[in-house]
Amino acid sequence: MKKDNPFTLTFGKQPGEYISRYENTDTIISTFEADNPISNAYLIEGVRGSGKTVLMTTIANILSEKTEWVVVDLNSTQDLVEDFAQRLSDECRKIPNLFKNGFSVSAGGISIGLNGIGQTQDNVGIIDSILASLKKKNKKVLITIDEAMPTENMRHFASQFQIYLRKDYQIFLLMTGLYENIYAIQNDPALTFLLRTPKINMEPLSIPQITKQYKSIFNLEIEDAHKMAIVTKGYAFAFQALGMLYYEYNDSLEWDEILSKLDDLLDDFVYKKIWEGLSEKDRDLIRAIGSKVASVSDICDVLQISNTSFPRYKERLLKKGVISVAGRGLVELSLPRFAEVVELYP
């Protein structure tokens, strides 16, 4: 009987076969656990499918296992302050003797009977009271927000978070987002502290590590495992997708047929969304690069643009994680089989 497929396409879920980002994980955890943290927040940015949420989830899981930490996951589509008040109170009910005589948070954000003194508070006051109680017990709070957006909701929450920092509460923030959203959040004049917040940019996974994983799981020769790893270009979603497909079909389909199925998965799950977020000029540039390593001069000739204007387009696509520098005066697409998929787009 065939075992369950160890790979997954579910975004954010830590798969059975997972390549850890030890350096990023250690950087964030060691910073948050330091006696005098250099930052109480980190931003994780990257293209869709690059593993942002998995990294954040891994860190949240590690810290949630430690008694001194309270981890609260917030939904970026909800009222973040209200969501924080509710979820923080829910998590803190698990801590013995934190509250006396009951503690409740209604849907409207009103707390009745806080510490048994019969007062009512709004969400901001509820959070403040809980954080003050946690500080006395030397507890730290980690807030995670996946796919953060530059909205008024985020501005309100981030401004309130900054107030709690000024009160010296042990509160930490970990957010993920696309490059353009993180950029907009950091450059919002109302959120100056986020401008100084360090970022983790999701780099490609190690090709040698992917090779090692594929070799072990599928009992392949090193050359065949490396060929599979090269196809992924270190892109986290492609590592999972190709592994899943090979696990299911290596006995029944030819390699080209597996690659065709990979293209379909990349298209359905990721590339359509990425393509929709690109300008017409960006799309033209991507088509000009194609599946090869392309010289800047050749791209400029095809697009009929000057060498002096090209850096502007290049910088934008580099930050979005769509292209990478392949050498002096050379660029290539950083996403695996992106050219093959988008050539079929109108």
C-alpha atoms as a PDB file:
ATOM      1  CA  MET A   1       0.000   0.000   0.000  1.00  0.00           C
ATOM      2  CA  LYS A   2       1.382   3.375  -1.037  1.00  0.00           C
ATOM      3  CA  LYS A   3       2.106   5.803   1.796  1.00  0.00           C
ATOM      4  CA  ASP A   4       0.474   9.226   1.970  1.00  0.00           C
ATOM      5  CA  ASN A   5       2.085  11.816  -0.253  1.00  0.00           C
ATOM      6  CA  PRO A   6       4.562  13.757   1.956  1.00  0.00           C
ATOM      7  CA  PHE A   7       4.240  16.929  -0.125  1.00  0.00           C
ATOM      8  CA  THR A   8       1.433  19.486   0.062  1.00  0.00           C
ATOM      9  CA  LEU A   9       0.052  22.372  -1.993  1.00  0.00           C
ATOM     10  CA  THR A  10      -1.713  23.960   0.978  1.00  0.00           C
ATOM     11  CA  PHE A  11      -0.322  27.457   1.513  1.00  0.00           C
ATOM     12  CA  GLY A  12       0.967  28.110   5.003  1.00  0.00           C
ATOM     13  CA  LYS A  13       0.828  24.504   6.169  1.00  0.00           C
ATOM     14  CA  GLN A  14       4.177  23.029   7.136  1.00  0.00           C
ATOM     15  CA  PRO A  15       4.485  20.005   4.822  1.00  0.00           C
ATOM     16  CA  GLY A  16       5.811  16.587   5.720  1.00  0.00           C
ATOM     17  CA  GLU A  17       8.838  17.253   3.528  1.00  0.00           C
ATOM     18  CA  TYR A  18      10.045  20.688   4.496  1.00  0.00           C
ATOM     19  CA  ILE A  19      13.367  22.455   3.972  1.00  0.00           C
ATOM     20  CA  SER A  20      13.987  24.609   7.037  1.00  0.00           C
ATOM     21  CA  ARG A  21      15.229  28.159   6.709  1.00  0.00           C
ATOM     22  CA  TYR A  22      17.470  27.869   9.746  1.00  0.00           C
ATOM     23  CA  GLU A  23      19.204  31.219   9.369  1.00  0.00           C
ATOM     24  CA  ASN A  24      15.978  33.237   9.032  1.00  0.00           C
ATOM     25  CA  THR A  25      14.319  31.322  11.860  1.00  0.00           C
ATOM     26  CA  ASP A  26      17.272  31.769  14.196  1.00  0.00           C
ATOM     27  CA  THR A  27      17.627  35.469  13.347  1.00  0.00           C
ATOM     28  CA  ILE A  28      14.040  36.264  14.294  1.00  0.00           C
ATOM     29  CA  ILE A  29      13.800  34.033  17.368  1.00  0.00           C
ATOM     30  CA  SER A  30      17.162  35.127  18.815  1.00  0.00           C
ATOM     31  CA  THR A  31      16.174  38.776  18.295  1.00  0.00           C
ATOM     32  CA  PHE A  32      12.792  38.389  20.007  1.00  0.00           C
ATOM     33  CA  GLU A  33      14.267  36.428  22.915  1.00  0.00           C
ATOM     34  CA  ALA A  34      17.177  38.807  23.550  1.00  0.00           C
ATOM     35  CA  ASP A  35      17.255  40.749  26.815  1.00  0.00           C
ATOM     36  CA  ASN A  36      17.315  43.980  24.821  1.00  0.00           C
ATOM     37  CA  PRO A  37      15.816  43.197  21.389  1.00  0.00           C
ATOM     38  CA  ILE A  38      17.091  45.321  18.519  1.00  0.00           C
ATOM     39  CA  SER A  39      13.557  45.150  17.116  1.00  0.00           C
ATOM     40  CA  ASN A  40      10.121  44.070  18.337  1.00  0.00           C
ATOM     41  CA  ALA A  41       8.936  43.393  14.818  1.00  0.00           C
ATOM     42  CA  TYR A  42       9.988  41.643  11.630  1.00  0.00           C
ATOM     43  CA  LEU A  43       8.505  41.809   8.157  1.00  0.00           C
ATOM     44  CA  ILE A  44       8.730  38.782   5.871  1.00  0.00           C
ATOM     45  CA  GLU A  45       8.322  39.673   2.203  1.00  0.00           C
ATOM     46  CA  GLY A  46       8.411  37.631  -0.953  1.00  0.00           C
ATOM     47  CA  VAL A  47       6.594  36.532  -4.074  1.00  0.00           C
ATOM     48  CA  ARG A  48       3.544  34.275  -3.787  1.00  0.00           C
ATOM     49  CA  GLY A  49       4.514  30.700  -3.030  1.00  0.00           C
ATOM     50  CA  SER A  50       7.979  31.561  -1.712  1.00  0.00           C
ATOM     51  CA  GLY A  51       7.323  30.148   1.771  1.00  0.00           C
ATOM     52  CA  LYS A  52       6.574  33.326   3.758  1.00  0.00           C
ATOM     53  CA  THR A  53       3.678  31.860   5.708  1.00  0.00           C
ATOM     54  CA  VAL A  54       5.472  28.574   6.400  1.00  0.00           C
ATOM     55  CA  LEU A  55       8.429  30.483   7.884  1.00  0.00           C
ATOM     56  CA  MET A  56       6.119  32.567  10.052  1.00  0.00           C
ATOM     57  CA  THR A  57       4.181  29.468  11.147  1.00  0.00           C
ATOM     58  CA  THR A  58       7.405  27.649  12.014  1.00  0.00           C
ATOM     59  CA  ILE A  59       8.532  30.519  14.257  1.00  0.00           C
ATOM     60  CA  ALA A  60       5.092  30.806  15.883  1.00  0.00           C
ATOM     61  CA  ASN A  61       5.047  27.058  16.595  1.00  0.00           C
ATOM     62  CA  ILE A  62       8.525  27.115  18.151  1.00  0.00           C
ATOM     63  CA  LEU A  63       7.663  30.013  20.464  1.00  0.00           C
ATOM     64  CA  SER A  64       4.203  28.676  21.367  1.00  0.00           C
ATOM     65  CA  GLU A  65       5.882  25.629  22.909  1.00  0.00           C
ATOM     66  CA  LYS A  66       7.725  27.872  25.381  1.00  0.00           C
ATOM     67  CA  THR A  67       5.905  28.695  28.616  1.00  0.00           C
ATOM     68  CA  GLU A  68       6.971  32.343  28.598  1.00  0.00           C
ATOM     69  CA  TRP A  69       5.318  33.036  25.235  1.00  0.00           C
ATOM     70  CA  VAL A  70       1.721  33.720  24.227  1.00  0.00           C
ATOM     71  CA  VAL A  71       1.193  33.501  20.461  1.00  0.00           C
ATOM     72  CA  VAL A  72      -1.779  35.215  18.819  1.00  0.00           C
ATOM     73  CA  ASP A  73      -2.598  34.750  15.117  1.00  0.00           C
ATOM     74  CA  LEU A  74      -4.629  37.601  13.638  1.00  0.00           C
ATOM     75  CA  ASN A  75      -6.714  37.689  10.474  1.00  0.00           C
ATOM     76  CA  SER A  76      -5.691  40.620   8.262  1.00  0.00           C
ATOM     77  CA  THR A  77      -9.249  40.899   6.849  1.00  0.00           C
ATOM     78  CA  GLN A  78     -10.783  41.481  10.308  1.00  0.00           C
ATOM     79  CA  ASP A  79     -10.728  44.498  12.608  1.00  0.00           C
ATOM     80  CA  LEU A  80      -7.224  43.846  13.926  1.00  0.00           C
ATOM     81  CA  VAL A  81      -7.596  45.581  17.286  1.00  0.00           C
ATOM     82  CA  GLU A  82     -10.879  43.821  18.051  1.00  0.00           C
ATOM     83  CA  ASP A  83      -9.488  40.518  16.790  1.00  0.00           C
ATOM     84  CA  PHE A  84      -6.407  40.961  18.971  1.00  0.00           C
ATOM     85  CA  ALA A  85      -8.486  41.693  22.083  1.00  0.00           C
ATOM     86  CA  GLN A  86     -10.608  38.590  21.560  1.00  0.00           C
ATOM     87  CA  ARG A  87      -7.817  36.191  20.656  1.00  0.00           C
ATOM     88  CA  LEU A  88      -5.436  37.484  23.315  1.00  0.00           C
ATOM     89  CA  SER A  89      -8.079  37.006  26.009  1.00  0.00           C
ATOM     90  CA  ASP A  90      -8.828  33.503  24.711  1.00  0.00           C
ATOM     91  CA  GLU A  91      -5.155  32.532  24.834  1.00  0.00           C
ATOM     92  CA  CYS A  92      -4.670  34.029  28.287  1.00  0.00           C
ATOM     93  CA  ARG A  93      -7.484  31.984  29.800  1.00  0.00           C
ATOM     94  CA  LYS A  94      -5.035  29.083  29.604  1.00  0.00           C
ATOM     95  CA  ILE A  95      -2.670  30.862  32.023  1.00  0.00           C
ATOM     96  CA  PRO A  96      -3.482  30.028  35.665  1.00  0.00           C
ATOM     97  CA  ASN A  97      -4.373  32.937  37.967  1.00  0.00           C
ATOM     98  CA  LEU A  98      -3.880  35.629  35.352  1.00  0.00           C
ATOM     99  CA  PHE A  99      -7.418  36.923  35.910  1.00  0.00           C
ATOM    100  CA  LYS A 100      -9.603  36.895  38.969  1.00  0.00           C
ATOM    101  CA  ASN A 101     -13.348  36.255  39.082  1.00  0.00           C
ATOM    102  CA  GLY A 102     -13.787  35.795  35.375  1.00  0.00           C
ATOM    103  CA  PHE A 103     -13.044  37.842  32.323  1.00  0.00           C
ATOM    104  CA  SER A 104     -15.153  38.270  29.212  1.00  0.00           C
ATOM    105  CA  VAL A 105     -14.878  40.050  25.897  1.00  0.00           C
ATOM    106  CA  SER A 106     -18.102  40.568  24.005  1.00  0.00           C
ATOM    107  CA  ALA A 107     -18.429  40.811  20.234  1.00  0.00           C
ATOM    108  CA  GLY A 108     -18.646  44.570  20.598  1.00  0.00           C
ATOM    109  CA  GLY A 109     -15.359  44.656  22.474  1.00  0.00           C
ATOM    110  CA  ILE A 110     -16.778  45.382  25.926  1.00  0.00           C
ATOM    111  CA  SER A 111     -15.178  43.672  28.895  1.00  0.00           C
ATOM    112  CA  ILE A 112     -17.358  43.170  31.971  1.00  0.00           C
ATOM    113  CA  GLY A 113     -15.964  42.163  35.319  1.00  0.00           C
ATOM    114  CA  LEU A 114     -12.289  42.587  34.459  1.00  0.00           C
ATOM    115  CA  ASN A 115     -10.391  41.291  37.501  1.00  0.00           C
ATOM    116  CA  GLY A 116     -13.675  41.267  39.357  1.00  0.00           C
ATOM    117  CA  ILE A 117     -14.068  45.036  39.701  1.00  0.00           C
ATOM    118  CA  GLY A 118     -17.106  45.423  37.461  1.00  0.00           C
ATOM    119  CA  GLN A 119     -15.646  47.877  34.969  1.00  0.00           C
ATOM    120  CA  THR A 120     -16.272  48.131  31.251  1.00  0.00           C
ATOM    121  CA  GLN A 121     -13.536  48.707  28.711  1.00  0.00           C
ATOM    122  CA  ASP A 122     -13.156  49.010  24.970  1.00  0.00           C
ATOM    123  CA  ASN A 123     -10.801  46.753  23.005  1.00  0.00           C
ATOM    124  CA  VAL A 124      -7.788  49.027  23.509  1.00  0.00           C
ATOM    125  CA  GLY A 125      -8.321  49.036  27.260  1.00  0.00           C
ATOM    126  CA  ILE A 126      -8.842  45.272  27.357  1.00  0.00           C
ATOM    127  CA  ILE A 127      -5.539  44.682  25.548  1.00  0.00           C
ATOM    128  CA  ASP A 128      -3.736  47.153  27.794  1.00  0.00           C
ATOM    129  CA  SER A 129      -5.006  45.428  30.943  1.00  0.00           C
ATOM    130  CA  ILE A 130      -4.032  41.978  29.693  1.00  0.00           C
ATOM    131  CA  LEU A 131      -0.560  43.095  28.593  1.00  0.00           C
ATOM    132  CA  ALA A 132       0.029  44.728  31.975  1.00  0.00           C
ATOM    133  CA  SER A 133      -0.943  41.465  33.706  1.00  0.00           C
ATOM    134  CA  LEU A 134       1.298  39.453  31.393  1.00  0.00           C
ATOM    135  CA  LYS A 135       4.226  41.791  32.037  1.00  0.00           C
ATOM    136  CA  LYS A 136       3.966  41.085  35.761  1.00  0.00           C
ATOM    137  CA  LYS A 137       4.255  37.369  34.991  1.00  0.00           C
ATOM    138  CA  ASN A 138       7.220  37.930  32.607  1.00  0.00           C
ATOM    139  CA  LYS A 139       5.199  36.709  29.639  1.00  0.00           C
ATOM    140  CA  LYS A 140       5.882  37.776  26.062  1.00  0.00           C
ATOM    141  CA  VAL A 141       3.289  38.095  23.306  1.00  0.00           C
ATOM    142  CA  LEU A 142       3.918  37.308  19.639  1.00  0.00           C
ATOM    143  CA  ILE A 143       1.373  38.611  17.125  1.00  0.00           C
ATOM    144  CA  THR A 144       1.392  37.106  13.636  1.00  0.00           C
ATOM    145  CA  ILE A 145      -0.409  38.631  10.650  1.00  0.00           C
ATOM    146  CA  ASP A 146      -0.326  36.857   7.307  1.00  0.00           C
ATOM    147  CA  GLU A 147      -0.560  38.790   4.029  1.00  0.00           C
ATOM    148  CA  ALA A 148      -0.633  42.235   5.624  1.00  0.00           C
ATOM    149  CA  MET A 149      -2.277  44.976   3.554  1.00  0.00           C
ATOM    150  CA  PRO A 150      -1.762  48.763   3.587  1.00  0.00           C
ATOM    151  CA  THR A 151      -5.271  49.561   4.871  1.00  0.00           C
ATOM    152  CA  GLU A 152      -6.725  51.957   7.438  1.00  0.00           C
ATOM    153  CA  ASN A 153      -7.300  48.889   9.598  1.00  0.00           C
ATOM    154  CA  MET A 154      -3.552  48.152   9.536  1.00  0.00           C
ATOM    155  CA  ARG A 155      -2.687  51.796  10.276  1.00  0.00           C
ATOM    156  CA  HIS A 156      -4.920  51.779  13.340  1.00  0.00           C
ATOM    157  CA  PHE A 157      -3.500  48.504  14.623  1.00  0.00           C
ATOM    158  CA  ALA A 158       0.142  49.415  13.981  1.00  0.00           C
ATOM    159  CA  SER A 159      -0.293  52.786  15.687  1.00  0.00           C
ATOM    160  CA  GLN A 160      -1.778  51.063  18.722  1.00  0.00           C
ATOM    161  CA  PHE A 161       1.026  48.487  18.694  1.00  0.00           C
ATOM    162  CA  GLN A 162       3.503  51.360  18.856  1.00  0.00           C
ATOM    163  CA  ILE A 163       1.736  52.750  21.923  1.00  0.00           C
ATOM    164  CA  TYR A 164       2.051  49.384  23.672  1.00  0.00           C
ATOM    165  CA  LEU A 165       5.758  49.386  22.847  1.00  0.00           C
ATOM    166  CA  ARG A 166       6.139  52.789  24.477  1.00  0.00           C
ATOM    167  CA  LYS A 167       4.584  51.314  27.611  1.00  0.00           C
ATOM    168  CA  ASP A 168       7.383  48.761  27.597  1.00  0.00           C
ATOM    169  CA  TYR A 169       5.116  45.755  27.206  1.00  0.00           C
ATOM    170  CA  GLN A 170       6.808  42.574  25.974  1.00  0.00           C
ATOM    171  CA  ILE A 171       4.955  42.490  22.673  1.00  0.00           C
ATOM    172  CA  PHE A 172       6.313  41.396  19.285  1.00  0.00           C
ATOM    173  CA  LEU A 173       4.988  41.460  15.740  1.00  0.00           C
ATOM    174  CA  LEU A 174       5.669  39.185  12.783  1.00  0.00           C
ATOM    175  CA  MET A 175       3.987  39.989   9.459  1.00  0.00           C
ATOM    176  CA  THR A 176       4.191  38.557   5.959  1.00  0.00           C
ATOM    177  CA  GLY A 177       3.302  40.298   2.721  1.00  0.00           C
ATOM    178  CA  LEU A 178       4.011  40.814  -0.945  1.00  0.00           C
ATOM    179  CA  TYR A 179       6.792  43.288  -1.743  1.00  0.00           C
ATOM    180  CA  GLU A 180       4.423  46.032  -2.887  1.00  0.00           C
ATOM    181  CA  ASN A 181       2.242  45.740   0.230  1.00  0.00           C
ATOM    182  CA  ILE A 182       5.171  45.688   2.650  1.00  0.00           C
ATOM    183  CA  TYR A 183       6.665  48.675   0.817  1.00  0.00           C
ATOM    184  CA  ALA A 184       3.399  50.614   1.120  1.00  0.00           C
ATOM    185  CA  ILE A 185       3.069  49.762   4.828  1.00  0.00           C
ATOM    186  CA  GLN A 186       6.658  50.760   5.622  1.00  0.00           C
ATOM    187  CA  ASN A 187       6.406  54.031   3.742  1.00  0.00           C
ATOM    188  CA  ASP A 188       3.122  55.139   5.295  1.00  0.00           C
ATOM    189  CA  PRO A 189       3.929  58.425   7.120  1.00  0.00           C
ATOM    190  CA  ALA A 190       1.651  57.352   9.995  1.00  0.00           C
ATOM    191  CA  LEU A 191       3.719  54.209  10.612  1.00  0.00           C
ATOM    192  CA  THR A 192       7.249  55.496  10.966  1.00  0.00           C
ATOM    193  CA  PHE A 193       8.407  52.744  13.329  1.00  0.00           C
ATOM    194  CA  LEU A 194       7.716  50.133  10.633  1.00  0.00           C
ATOM    195  CA  LEU A 195      10.082  51.969   8.288  1.00  0.00           C
ATOM    196  CA  ARG A 196      12.903  50.957  10.625  1.00  0.00           C
ATOM    197  CA  THR A 197      11.618  47.404  11.045  1.00  0.00           C
ATOM    198  CA  PRO A 198      14.009  44.769   9.626  1.00  0.00           C
ATOM    199  CA  LYS A 199      12.826  42.648   6.715  1.00  0.00           C
ATOM    200  CA  ILE A 200      13.420  39.067   5.754  1.00  0.00           C
ATOM    201  CA  ASN A 201      13.357  38.649   1.987  1.00  0.00           C
ATOM    202  CA  MET A 202      12.482  35.097   0.971  1.00  0.00           C
ATOM    203  CA  GLU A 203      15.438  33.825  -1.019  1.00  0.00           C
ATOM    204  CA  PRO A 204      15.247  30.606  -3.086  1.00  0.00           C
ATOM    205  CA  LEU A 205      15.663  27.329  -1.234  1.00  0.00           C
ATOM    206  CA  SER A 206      19.036  25.619  -1.499  1.00  0.00           C
ATOM    207  CA  ILE A 207      19.310  23.500  -4.663  1.00  0.00           C
ATOM    208  CA  PRO A 208      21.677  21.040  -2.905  1.00  0.00           C
ATOM    209  CA  GLN A 209      19.139  20.611  -0.091  1.00  0.00           C
ATOM    210  CA  ILE A 210      16.297  20.053  -2.555  1.00  0.00           C
ATOM    211  CA  THR A 211      18.483  17.544  -4.401  1.00  0.00           C
ATOM    212  CA  LYS A 212      19.169  15.726  -1.141  1.00  0.00           C
ATOM    213  CA  GLN A 213      15.460  15.599  -0.269  1.00  0.00           C
ATOM    214  CA  TYR A 214      14.379  14.295  -3.678  1.00  0.00           C
ATOM    215  CA  LYS A 215      17.206  11.738  -3.711  1.00  0.00           C
ATOM    216  CA  SER A 216      16.212  10.402  -0.305  1.00  0.00           C
ATOM    217  CA  ILE A 217      12.456  10.348  -0.826  1.00  0.00           C
ATOM    218  CA  PHE A 218      12.464   8.818  -4.298  1.00  0.00           C
ATOM    219  CA  ASN A 219      15.650   6.760  -4.014  1.00  0.00           C
ATOM    220  CA  LEU A 220      17.072   8.496  -7.096  1.00  0.00           C
ATOM    221  CA  GLU A 221      20.550   8.760  -8.494  1.00  0.00           C
ATOM    222  CA  ILE A 222      22.128  12.096  -7.574  1.00  0.00           C
ATOM    223  CA  GLU A 223      22.027  13.269 -11.221  1.00  0.00           C
ATOM    224  CA  ASP A 224      18.270  12.628 -11.516  1.00  0.00           C
ATOM    225  CA  ALA A 225      17.520  14.256  -8.177  1.00  0.00           C
ATOM    226  CA  HIS A 226      19.601  17.286  -9.189  1.00  0.00           C
ATOM    227  CA  LYS A 227      17.732  17.534 -12.504  1.00  0.00           C
ATOM    228  CA  MET A 228      14.461  17.744 -10.581  1.00  0.00           C
ATOM    229  CA  ALA A 229      15.873  20.299  -8.149  1.00  0.00           C
ATOM    230  CA  ILE A 230      17.094  22.528 -10.988  1.00  0.00           C
ATOM    231  CA  VAL A 231      13.560  22.617 -12.421  1.00  0.00           C
ATOM    232  CA  THR A 232      12.256  24.181  -9.178  1.00  0.00           C
ATOM    233  CA  LYS A 233      14.850  27.007  -9.153  1.00  0.00           C
ATOM    234  CA  GLY A 234      14.558  26.837  -5.376  1.00  0.00           C
ATOM    235  CA  TYR A 235      10.981  28.146  -5.477  1.00  0.00           C
ATOM    236  CA  ALA A 236       9.228  26.694  -2.425  1.00  0.00           C
ATOM    237  CA  PHE A 237       5.869  26.029  -4.081  1.00  0.00           C
ATOM    238  CA  ALA A 238       7.546  24.345  -7.061  1.00  0.00           C
ATOM    239  CA  PHE A 239       9.565  22.122  -4.702  1.00  0.00           C
ATOM    240  CA  GLN A 240       6.317  20.904  -3.146  1.00  0.00           C
ATOM    241  CA  ALA A 241       4.361  20.709  -6.428  1.00  0.00           C
ATOM    242  CA  LEU A 242       7.002  18.777  -8.382  1.00  0.00           C
ATOM    243  CA  GLY A 243       7.579  16.445  -5.443  1.00  0.00           C
ATOM    244  CA  MET A 244       3.845  15.770  -5.156  1.00  0.00           C
ATOM    245  CA  LEU A 245       3.494  15.085  -8.883  1.00  0.00           C
ATOM    246  CA  TYR A 246       6.547  12.844  -9.061  1.00  0.00           C
ATOM    247  CA  TYR A 247       5.311  10.886  -6.039  1.00  0.00           C
ATOM    248  CA  GLU A 248       1.951  10.318  -7.753  1.00  0.00           C
ATOM    249  CA  TYR A 249       2.962   9.820 -11.377  1.00  0.00           C
ATOM    250  CA  ASN A 250       6.605   8.717 -11.710  1.00  0.00           C
ATOM    251  CA  ASP A 251       5.458   5.150 -12.468  1.00  0.00           C
ATOM    252  CA  SER A 252       2.784   6.091 -14.989  1.00  0.00           C
ATOM    253  CA  LEU A 253       3.794   9.278 -16.826  1.00  0.00           C
ATOM    254  CA  GLU A 254       6.756  10.468 -18.875  1.00  0.00           C
ATOM    255  CA  TRP A 255       8.887  13.311 -17.524  1.00  0.00           C
ATOM    256  CA  ASP A 256       7.482  15.818 -20.034  1.00  0.00           C
ATOM    257  CA  GLU A 257       3.956  14.922 -18.939  1.00  0.00           C
ATOM    258  CA  ILE A 258       4.865  15.540 -15.299  1.00  0.00           C
ATOM    259  CA  LEU A 259       6.314  18.924 -16.270  1.00  0.00           C
ATOM    260  CA  SER A 260       3.089  19.745 -18.095  1.00  0.00           C
ATOM    261  CA  LYS A 261       1.123  18.984 -14.938  1.00  0.00           C
ATOM    262  CA  LEU A 262       3.579  21.131 -12.981  1.00  0.00           C
ATOM    263  CA  ASP A 263       2.885  24.033 -15.347  1.00  0.00           C
ATOM    264  CA  ASP A 264      -0.846  23.611 -14.705  1.00  0.00           C
ATOM    265  CA  LEU A 265      -0.370  23.730 -10.932  1.00  0.00           C
ATOM    266  CA  LEU A 266       1.929  26.757 -11.101  1.00  0.00           C
ATOM    267  CA  ASP A 267      -0.609  28.486 -13.335  1.00  0.00           C
ATOM    268  CA  ASP A 268      -3.658  27.708 -11.188  1.00  0.00           C
ATOM    269  CA  PHE A 269      -2.152  28.324  -7.758  1.00  0.00           C
ATOM    270  CA  VAL A 270       0.330  31.155  -8.296  1.00  0.00           C
ATOM    271  CA  TYR A 271       1.229  32.519 -11.707  1.00  0.00           C
ATOM    272  CA  LYS A 272      -2.182  33.869 -12.715  1.00  0.00           C
ATOM    273  CA  LYS A 273      -2.205  36.042  -9.600  1.00  0.00           C
ATOM    274  CA  ILE A 274       1.364  37.214 -10.167  1.00  0.00           C
ATOM    275  CA  TRP A 275       0.618  38.032 -13.806  1.00  0.00           C
ATOM    276  CA  GLU A 276      -2.478  40.043 -12.870  1.00  0.00           C
ATOM    277  CA  GLY A 277      -0.352  42.225 -10.601  1.00  0.00           C
ATOM    278  CA  LEU A 278       2.115  43.181 -13.345  1.00  0.00           C
ATOM    279  CA  SER A 279       1.954  46.201 -15.630  1.00  0.00           C
ATOM    280  CA  GLU A 280       1.952  45.845 -19.402  1.00  0.00           C
ATOM    281  CA  LYS A 281       5.575  46.997 -19.502  1.00  0.00           C
ATOM    282  CA  ASP A 282       6.513  44.399 -16.898  1.00  0.00           C
ATOM    283  CA  ARG A 283       4.794  41.706 -18.949  1.00  0.00           C
ATOM    284  CA  ASP A 284       6.561  42.800 -22.118  1.00  0.00           C
ATOM    285  CA  LEU A 285       9.897  42.631 -20.320  1.00  0.00           C
ATOM    286  CA  ILE A 286       9.190  39.138 -19.001  1.00  0.00           C
ATOM    287  CA  ARG A 287       8.260  37.918 -22.468  1.00  0.00           C
ATOM    288  CA  ALA A 288      11.442  39.495 -23.862  1.00  0.00           C
ATOM    289  CA  ILE A 289      13.543  37.564 -21.327  1.00  0.00           C
ATOM    290  CA  GLY A 290      11.722  34.281 -21.959  1.00  0.00           C
ATOM    291  CA  SER A 291      13.185  31.024 -20.652  1.00  0.00           C
ATOM    292  CA  LYS A 292      16.805  32.011 -21.307  1.00  0.00           C
ATOM    293  CA  VAL A 293      19.465  34.109 -19.659  1.00  0.00           C
ATOM    294  CA  ALA A 294      19.077  37.383 -21.516  1.00  0.00           C
ATOM    295  CA  SER A 295      21.366  40.368 -21.933  1.00  0.00           C
ATOM    296  CA  VAL A 296      20.091  43.788 -21.010  1.00  0.00           C
ATOM    297  CA  SER A 297      21.092  45.190 -24.404  1.00  0.00           C
ATOM    298  CA  ASP A 298      19.078  42.522 -26.254  1.00  0.00           C
ATOM    299  CA  ILE A 299      16.017  43.170 -24.069  1.00  0.00           C
ATOM    300  CA  CYS A 300      16.276  46.909 -24.688  1.00  0.00           C
ATOM    301  CA  ASP A 301      16.475  46.288 -28.445  1.00  0.00           C
ATOM    302  CA  VAL A 302      13.374  44.088 -28.387  1.00  0.00           C
ATOM    303  CA  LEU A 303      11.381  46.537 -26.260  1.00  0.00           C
ATOM    304  CA  GLN A 304      12.821  49.595 -27.999  1.00  0.00           C
ATOM    305  CA  ILE A 305      13.790  51.256 -24.738  1.00  0.00           C
ATOM    306  CA  SER A 306      17.057  52.901 -23.716  1.00  0.00           C
ATOM    307  CA  ASN A 307      19.655  51.295 -21.479  1.00  0.00           C
ATOM    308  CA  THR A 308      19.170  54.179 -19.038  1.00  0.00           C
ATOM    309  CA  SER A 309      15.455  53.489 -18.560  1.00  0.00           C
ATOM    310  CA  PHE A 310      15.845  49.713 -18.149  1.00  0.00           C
ATOM    311  CA  PRO A 311      17.099  49.796 -14.508  1.00  0.00           C
ATOM    312  CA  ARG A 312      13.751  51.207 -13.387  1.00  0.00           C
ATOM    313  CA  TYR A 313      11.865  48.180 -14.729  1.00  0.00           C
ATOM    314  CA  LYS A 314      14.547  45.769 -13.564  1.00  0.00           C
ATOM    315  CA  GLU A 315      14.537  47.071 -10.005  1.00  0.00           C
ATOM    316  CA  ARG A 316      10.774  46.707  -9.703  1.00  0.00           C
ATOM    317  CA  LEU A 317      10.749  43.107 -10.951  1.00  0.00           C
ATOM    318  CA  LEU A 318      13.789  42.208  -8.841  1.00  0.00           C
ATOM    319  CA  LYS A 319      12.004  43.376  -5.710  1.00  0.00           C
ATOM    320  CA  LYS A 320       8.863  41.497  -6.701  1.00  0.00           C
ATOM    321  CA  GLY A 321      10.929  38.335  -6.993  1.00  0.00           C
ATOM    322  CA  VAL A 322      10.078  37.762 -10.644  1.00  0.00           C
ATOM    323  CA  ILE A 323      13.551  38.175 -12.152  1.00  0.00           C
ATOM    324  CA  SER A 324      17.111  37.769 -10.880  1.00  0.00           C
ATOM    325  CA  VAL A 325      20.555  38.919 -11.966  1.00  0.00           C
ATOM    326  CA  ALA A 326      22.425  36.158 -13.798  1.00  0.00           C
ATOM    327  CA  GLY A 327      25.699  38.039 -14.282  1.00  0.00           C
ATOM    328  CA  ARG A 328      26.988  41.408 -15.388  1.00  0.00           C
ATOM    329  CA  GLY A 329      24.444  42.814 -17.842  1.00  0.00           C
ATOM    330  CA  LEU A 330      22.405  39.582 -17.685  1.00  0.00           C
ATOM    331  CA  VAL A 331      18.998  38.775 -16.185  1.00  0.00           C
ATOM    332  CA  GLU A 332      16.709  35.743 -16.072  1.00  0.00           C
ATOM    333  CA  LEU A 333      13.308  34.805 -14.747  1.00  0.00           C
ATOM    334  CA  SER A 334      13.599  33.617 -11.146  1.00  0.00           C
ATOM    335  CA  LEU A 335      10.313  31.693 -11.173  1.00  0.00           C
ATOM    336  CA  PRO A 336      10.491  28.143 -12.583  1.00  0.00           C
ATOM    337  CA  ARG A 337       8.821  27.569 -15.949  1.00  0.00           C
ATOM    338  CA  PHE A 338       7.266  31.022 -15.774  1.00  0.00           C
ATOM    339  CA  ALA A 339       8.049  31.679 -19.429  1.00  0.00           C
ATOM    340  CA  GLU A 340       6.446  28.391 -20.497  1.00  0.00           C
ATOM    341  CA  VAL A 341       3.269  29.191 -18.578  1.00  0.00           C
ATOM    342  CA  VAL A 342       2.808  32.863 -19.462  1.00  0.00           C
ATOM    343  CA  GLU A 343       3.472  32.377 -23.174  1.00  0.00           C
ATOM    344  CA  LEU A 344      -0.070  30.978 -23.311  1.00  0.00           C
ATOM    345  CA  TYR A 345      -1.564  34.061 -21.647  1.00  0.00           C
ATOM    346  CA  PRO A 346      -3.305  36.621 -23.875  1.00  0.00           C
END
